[in-house]
Amino acid sequence: MPELTAALDIAKRCSSYVDLMGGSVAEYDFIEWLLNQIDNPLFSYELQPVSVLVWRDRFSRIVYGNNEFRALSMPLTLGGSDRGRLTMDINDSEGKVLLTDFPEDMDDAKYVYIRAMEKGALAVIFRDRYPGVVRRIVVTATPDYSWDRAPPPVMPALTVSKEVGDELSRHVGEEVEFVSDVETRLGTGYNLIVNLEGNKEESVILAVHHDHWLTGYADNCLGVGLGASILLDAVRERSSMKRGLSFISFTAKEAGNPGFASLYWLMDQPGTWSTSKGGTYLIAFTPCLT
């Protein structure tokens, strides 16, 4: 199936960019490549600029004795480096480095982070639940949700694989060093909007987002591939199309609010784009791989 092949090729290219953030060089490169894949004279194109906060993990590690362990910083923390005694007791984490498991629901990591920050921890290290896996998710400094500005998460937070976490757990009470070197800056991300006109003033919107953490294959690179392939397939069926079709690949879905607002994932919602069509039907692609 040519459509499936095209979808997988686009998904693979998208996921080849590690931490593709809105406003990054990787985003500009991917959008340029994607435009070349879906170039067609029947389409109209728009690149819609969006002011975003760009976050980048430059270098992260944990050192115990002569052993150096790979780590990832957690977005959108501001980084830092220090050393302190390792603890797995969040109630005894003042002035120490807390090692803790990722919650079952990764979204709850922010509540663990906030509690450790309130207890006075120097940093928190999240141990992944699954062997050979290192994941990351945004943490915030406030438990509530706001559209506007919020305090940035200033305490360093890192994530390690289960294997590294297990090794560190054998040294509770001993001193470890952590380094979280991250960059934050303001930038401009881009929503890519591609339109194919139909026979009446109604439109179906295929909504995806190209920004992602790590490889982002399931969230949402595969969605980008599926949406783009449907758009290309629609060209062959254009004569029978009653409604128009719009493909929108959003920037800054995973994070990007310039004010560190705790509703960081809503940067791509309606309000950053508009349509003059008489009727709009929204289809959002968020594939889940099992």
Protein backbone atom coordinates (compact mmCIF):
# COMPACT_ATOMS: atom_id res chain seq x y z
CA MET A 1 0.00 0.00 0.00
CA PRO A 2 1.69 3.22 -1.18
CA GLU A 3 -0.19 5.32 1.40
CA LEU A 4 1.07 3.19 4.29
CA THR A 5 4.62 3.31 2.94
CA ALA A 6 4.47 7.10 2.70
CA ALA A 7 3.05 7.36 6.24
CA LEU A 8 5.82 5.18 7.67
CA ASP A 9 8.54 7.03 5.77
CA ILE A 10 7.32 10.38 7.13
CA ALA A 11 6.99 8.95 10.65
CA LYS A 12 10.53 7.57 10.52
CA ARG A 13 11.96 10.87 9.32
CA CYS A 14 10.06 12.78 12.01
CA SER A 15 11.22 10.42 14.76
CA SER A 16 14.84 10.62 13.59
CA TYR A 17 15.03 14.05 15.26
CA VAL A 18 15.60 13.53 18.99
CA ASP A 19 13.61 16.10 20.99
CA LEU A 20 12.12 17.97 18.03
CA MET A 21 11.00 21.15 19.79
CA GLY A 22 9.00 24.05 18.41
CA GLY A 23 11.41 26.83 17.47
CA SER A 24 14.40 24.52 17.04
CA VAL A 25 16.63 24.05 14.00
CA ALA A 26 15.30 20.48 13.83
CA GLU A 27 11.75 21.79 13.40
CA TYR A 28 12.72 24.07 10.51
CA ASP A 29 14.59 21.19 8.83
CA PHE A 30 11.73 18.72 9.22
CA ILE A 31 9.06 21.13 7.96
CA GLU A 32 11.17 21.93 4.90
CA TRP A 33 11.59 18.20 4.21
CA LEU A 34 7.88 17.50 4.76
CA LEU A 35 6.87 20.29 2.38
CA ASN A 36 8.95 18.62 -0.32
CA GLN A 37 7.14 15.32 0.28
CA ILE A 38 3.65 16.81 -0.04
CA ASP A 39 4.32 19.36 -2.79
CA ASN A 40 1.34 19.53 -5.14
CA PRO A 41 -0.10 22.42 -7.22
CA LEU A 42 -3.60 21.64 -5.90
CA PHE A 43 -2.58 22.49 -2.33
CA SER A 44 -2.37 25.89 -0.71
CA TYR A 45 0.22 26.24 2.03
CA GLU A 46 0.68 28.41 5.10
CA LEU A 47 3.41 28.52 7.74
CA GLN A 48 1.94 30.16 10.81
CA PRO A 49 4.54 31.57 13.28
CA VAL A 50 4.03 31.00 17.01
CA SER A 51 6.18 32.47 19.82
CA VAL A 52 7.51 29.55 21.86
CA LEU A 53 9.90 28.65 24.66
CA VAL A 54 12.64 26.38 23.32
CA TRP A 55 14.17 23.92 25.81
CA ARG A 56 17.21 21.74 25.10
CA ASP A 57 19.07 19.14 27.15
CA ARG A 58 22.74 19.68 26.32
CA PHE A 59 24.41 17.29 28.73
CA SER A 60 23.19 15.30 31.75
CA ARG A 61 24.93 12.76 33.95
CA ILE A 62 25.10 11.28 37.44
CA VAL A 63 28.45 10.37 38.97
CA TYR A 64 29.10 8.00 41.85
CA GLY A 65 32.75 7.40 42.68
CA ASN A 66 34.49 6.51 39.42
CA ASN A 67 31.22 5.57 37.75
CA GLU A 68 29.45 7.95 35.37
CA PHE A 69 25.84 7.20 34.42
CA ARG A 70 23.87 8.49 31.46
CA ALA A 71 20.84 10.57 32.38
CA LEU A 72 18.29 12.84 30.74
CA SER A 73 17.11 16.13 32.15
CA MET A 74 13.39 16.60 32.61
CA PRO A 75 11.75 19.47 30.72
CA LEU A 76 11.23 22.30 31.44
CA THR A 77 13.60 22.36 34.42
CA LEU A 78 16.37 24.97 34.35
CA GLY A 79 19.24 22.61 35.17
CA GLY A 80 22.07 22.88 37.65
CA SER A 81 24.86 20.82 39.21
CA ASP A 82 25.73 19.84 42.78
CA ARG A 83 26.49 16.85 44.97
CA GLY A 84 24.65 15.39 47.93
CA ARG A 85 23.71 12.21 49.75
CA LEU A 86 21.30 9.91 47.98
CA THR A 87 17.95 9.12 49.58
CA MET A 88 14.82 7.23 48.53
CA ASP A 89 12.70 8.78 51.30
CA ILE A 90 10.98 11.93 50.05
CA ASN A 91 10.27 12.95 53.67
CA ASP A 92 14.01 12.90 54.37
CA SER A 93 15.16 14.64 51.19
CA GLU A 94 16.10 18.09 52.50
CA GLY A 95 19.57 18.91 51.23
CA LYS A 96 19.78 15.48 49.56
CA VAL A 97 19.30 13.94 46.11
CA LEU A 98 16.03 12.02 45.89
CA LEU A 99 15.91 8.79 43.86
CA THR A 100 12.34 7.74 43.13
CA ASP A 101 10.39 5.61 40.66
CA PHE A 102 8.35 7.12 37.88
CA PRO A 103 4.68 7.05 38.90
CA GLU A 104 2.42 4.58 37.07
CA ASP A 105 0.91 7.60 35.33
CA MET A 106 3.87 9.63 34.08
CA ASP A 107 1.82 12.82 34.25
CA ASP A 108 1.94 12.46 38.04
CA ALA A 109 5.71 12.96 38.01
CA LYS A 110 5.10 16.68 38.43
CA TYR A 111 3.44 16.09 41.81
CA VAL A 112 6.44 14.06 43.00
CA TYR A 113 8.71 16.83 41.73
CA ILE A 114 6.74 19.56 43.50
CA ARG A 115 6.70 17.65 46.80
CA ALA A 116 10.46 17.03 46.62
CA MET A 117 11.01 20.71 45.89
CA GLU A 118 8.87 21.66 48.90
CA LYS A 119 10.86 19.26 51.08
CA GLY A 120 14.08 21.03 50.08
CA ALA A 121 15.68 18.34 47.91
CA LEU A 122 18.74 19.32 45.90
CA ALA A 123 17.47 17.37 42.91
CA VAL A 124 15.24 14.43 42.02
CA ILE A 125 16.22 11.44 39.91
CA PHE A 126 13.38 9.42 38.38
CA ARG A 127 14.03 5.71 37.82
CA ASP A 128 12.14 4.26 34.87
CA ARG A 129 9.90 1.28 35.47
CA TYR A 130 10.97 -0.62 32.37
CA PRO A 131 14.38 -2.14 31.56
CA GLY A 132 16.38 -0.47 28.81
CA VAL A 133 14.07 2.55 28.65
CA VAL A 134 14.73 6.19 29.46
CA ARG A 135 11.72 8.51 29.12
CA ARG A 136 11.02 12.13 29.90
CA ILE A 137 7.96 14.24 30.53
CA VAL A 138 7.38 17.88 31.44
CA VAL A 139 7.31 18.78 35.13
CA THR A 140 6.00 22.05 36.54
CA ALA A 141 6.56 24.05 39.70
CA THR A 142 2.87 24.43 40.53
CA PRO A 143 0.20 21.74 40.99
CA ASP A 144 -2.61 23.82 39.49
CA TYR A 145 -3.22 24.60 35.85
CA SER A 146 -2.97 28.08 34.39
CA TRP A 147 -3.08 29.67 30.96
CA ASP A 148 -0.81 32.50 31.99
CA ARG A 149 2.67 32.70 33.47
CA ALA A 150 3.84 30.35 36.23
CA PRO A 151 7.10 29.97 38.19
CA PRO A 152 9.71 27.92 36.31
CA PRO A 153 10.75 24.56 37.79
CA VAL A 154 14.15 25.60 39.15
CA MET A 155 15.12 22.37 40.97
CA PRO A 156 17.08 19.99 38.70
CA ALA A 157 15.29 16.77 37.75
CA LEU A 158 16.77 13.88 35.81
CA THR A 159 15.58 10.51 34.57
CA VAL A 160 17.56 7.27 34.27
CA SER A 161 16.92 3.73 33.10
CA LYS A 162 15.78 1.04 35.50
CA GLU A 163 19.24 -0.54 35.38
CA VAL A 164 21.00 2.70 36.36
CA GLY A 165 18.38 3.41 39.01
CA ASP A 166 18.83 -0.07 40.49
CA GLU A 167 22.58 0.47 40.71
CA LEU A 168 22.13 3.87 42.36
CA SER A 169 19.67 2.39 44.87
CA ARG A 170 22.52 0.27 46.26
CA HIS A 171 24.29 3.46 47.36
CA VAL A 172 21.57 5.19 49.35
CA GLY A 173 23.19 7.33 52.03
CA GLU A 174 26.31 7.87 49.96
CA GLU A 175 27.24 10.98 48.01
CA VAL A 176 26.47 11.38 44.31
CA GLU A 177 27.09 14.19 41.86
CA PHE A 178 24.58 15.32 39.27
CA VAL A 179 24.95 17.57 36.23
CA SER A 180 21.94 18.92 34.33
CA ASP A 181 23.09 21.30 31.61
CA VAL A 182 20.07 22.67 29.77
CA GLU A 183 19.30 25.65 27.55
CA THR A 184 16.11 27.72 27.47
CA ARG A 185 15.43 30.54 25.04
CA LEU A 186 12.58 32.23 23.23
CA GLY A 187 12.04 31.27 19.61
CA THR A 188 9.49 30.98 16.84
CA GLY A 189 7.77 27.72 16.03
CA TYR A 190 5.59 27.08 13.00
CA ASN A 191 2.21 25.49 12.43
CA LEU A 192 2.14 23.95 8.95
CA ILE A 193 -1.28 24.29 7.28
CA VAL A 194 -2.03 22.60 3.95
CA ASN A 195 -5.46 23.02 2.31
CA LEU A 196 -7.20 21.09 -0.46
CA GLU A 197 -10.40 22.76 -1.62
CA GLY A 198 -13.65 20.80 -1.88
CA ASN A 199 -16.97 21.41 -3.64
CA LYS A 200 -18.67 23.31 -0.82
CA GLU A 201 -17.90 25.60 2.07
CA GLU A 202 -17.12 22.90 4.60
CA SER A 203 -13.81 21.47 5.65
CA VAL A 204 -12.42 18.43 7.46
CA ILE A 205 -9.27 19.16 9.46
CA LEU A 206 -6.65 16.48 10.10
CA ALA A 207 -4.84 17.75 13.21
CA VAL A 208 -1.45 16.39 14.33
CA HIS A 209 1.69 17.77 15.98
CA HIS A 210 5.27 17.27 14.87
CA ASP A 211 7.10 18.35 18.05
CA HIS A 212 8.09 15.51 20.37
CA TRP A 213 10.39 14.27 23.12
CA LEU A 214 13.06 11.71 22.22
CA THR A 215 11.94 9.77 19.11
CA GLY A 216 8.25 10.59 19.51
CA TYR A 217 7.23 7.82 17.09
CA ALA A 218 3.80 7.22 18.65
CA ASP A 219 3.35 10.79 19.89
CA ASN A 220 2.94 12.10 17.32
CA CYS A 221 5.23 11.28 14.38
CA LEU A 222 3.06 8.40 13.20
CA GLY A 223 0.07 10.75 13.30
CA VAL A 224 1.97 13.20 11.08
CA GLY A 225 2.68 10.41 8.62
CA LEU A 226 -0.92 9.17 8.55
CA GLY A 227 -2.36 12.67 8.18
CA ALA A 228 0.01 13.60 5.36
CA SER A 229 -0.62 10.34 3.49
CA ILE A 230 -4.41 10.84 3.71
CA LEU A 231 -3.94 14.33 2.32
CA LEU A 232 -1.92 13.00 -0.62
CA ASP A 233 -4.45 10.24 -1.25
CA ALA A 234 -7.28 12.80 -1.29
CA VAL A 235 -5.80 14.43 -4.41
CA ARG A 236 -6.75 11.34 -6.44
CA GLU A 237 -10.31 11.51 -5.09
CA ARG A 238 -10.69 15.27 -5.44
CA SER A 239 -13.42 15.14 -8.09
CA SER A 240 -15.75 13.34 -5.69
CA MET A 241 -14.85 15.36 -2.58
CA LYS A 242 -17.77 17.26 -1.11
CA ARG A 243 -15.77 18.92 1.66
CA GLY A 244 -12.40 20.52 1.63
CA LEU A 245 -9.53 18.92 3.51
CA SER A 246 -6.99 20.70 5.70
CA PHE A 247 -3.88 19.09 7.17
CA ILE A 248 -2.45 20.98 10.17
CA SER A 249 0.77 19.92 11.84
CA PHE A 250 1.08 21.96 15.03
CA THR A 251 4.15 23.19 16.82
CA ALA A 252 4.67 23.28 20.60
CA LYS A 253 2.14 20.64 21.63
CA GLU A 254 4.52 18.93 24.06
CA ALA A 255 5.71 22.22 25.55
CA GLY A 256 6.47 25.75 24.52
CA ASN A 257 4.48 28.34 26.46
CA PRO A 258 6.90 31.29 26.84
CA GLY A 259 5.66 31.97 30.37
CA PHE A 260 6.14 28.42 31.73
CA ALA A 261 2.34 28.16 32.12
CA SER A 262 1.34 24.80 33.58
CA LEU A 263 -1.07 24.23 30.67
CA TYR A 264 2.07 23.77 28.59
CA TRP A 265 0.50 21.25 26.19
CA LEU A 266 -2.26 23.60 24.95
CA MET A 267 -0.10 25.79 22.73
CA ASP A 268 -1.55 24.17 19.58
CA GLN A 269 -5.25 24.44 20.39
CA PRO A 270 -7.84 26.43 18.37
CA GLY A 271 -7.12 30.10 18.85
CA THR A 272 -3.66 29.85 17.29
CA TRP A 273 -5.34 29.20 13.93
CA SER A 274 -8.64 29.96 12.26
CA THR A 275 -10.77 28.94 9.29
CA SER A 276 -13.31 30.84 7.24
CA LYS A 277 -15.12 27.72 6.12
CA GLY A 278 -18.85 27.39 6.66
CA GLY A 279 -18.40 24.19 8.67
CA THR A 280 -15.39 22.53 10.27
CA TYR A 281 -14.90 18.89 11.24
CA LEU A 282 -11.82 18.18 13.35
CA ILE A 283 -10.03 14.83 13.36
CA ALA A 284 -7.01 14.53 15.68
CA PHE A 285 -4.50 11.73 15.08
CA THR A 286 -2.83 10.40 18.23
CA PRO A 287 -1.83 6.81 17.43
CA CYS A 288 -1.21 4.42 20.32
CA LEU A 289 1.23 1.58 19.74
CA THR A 290 0.98 -1.60 21.78
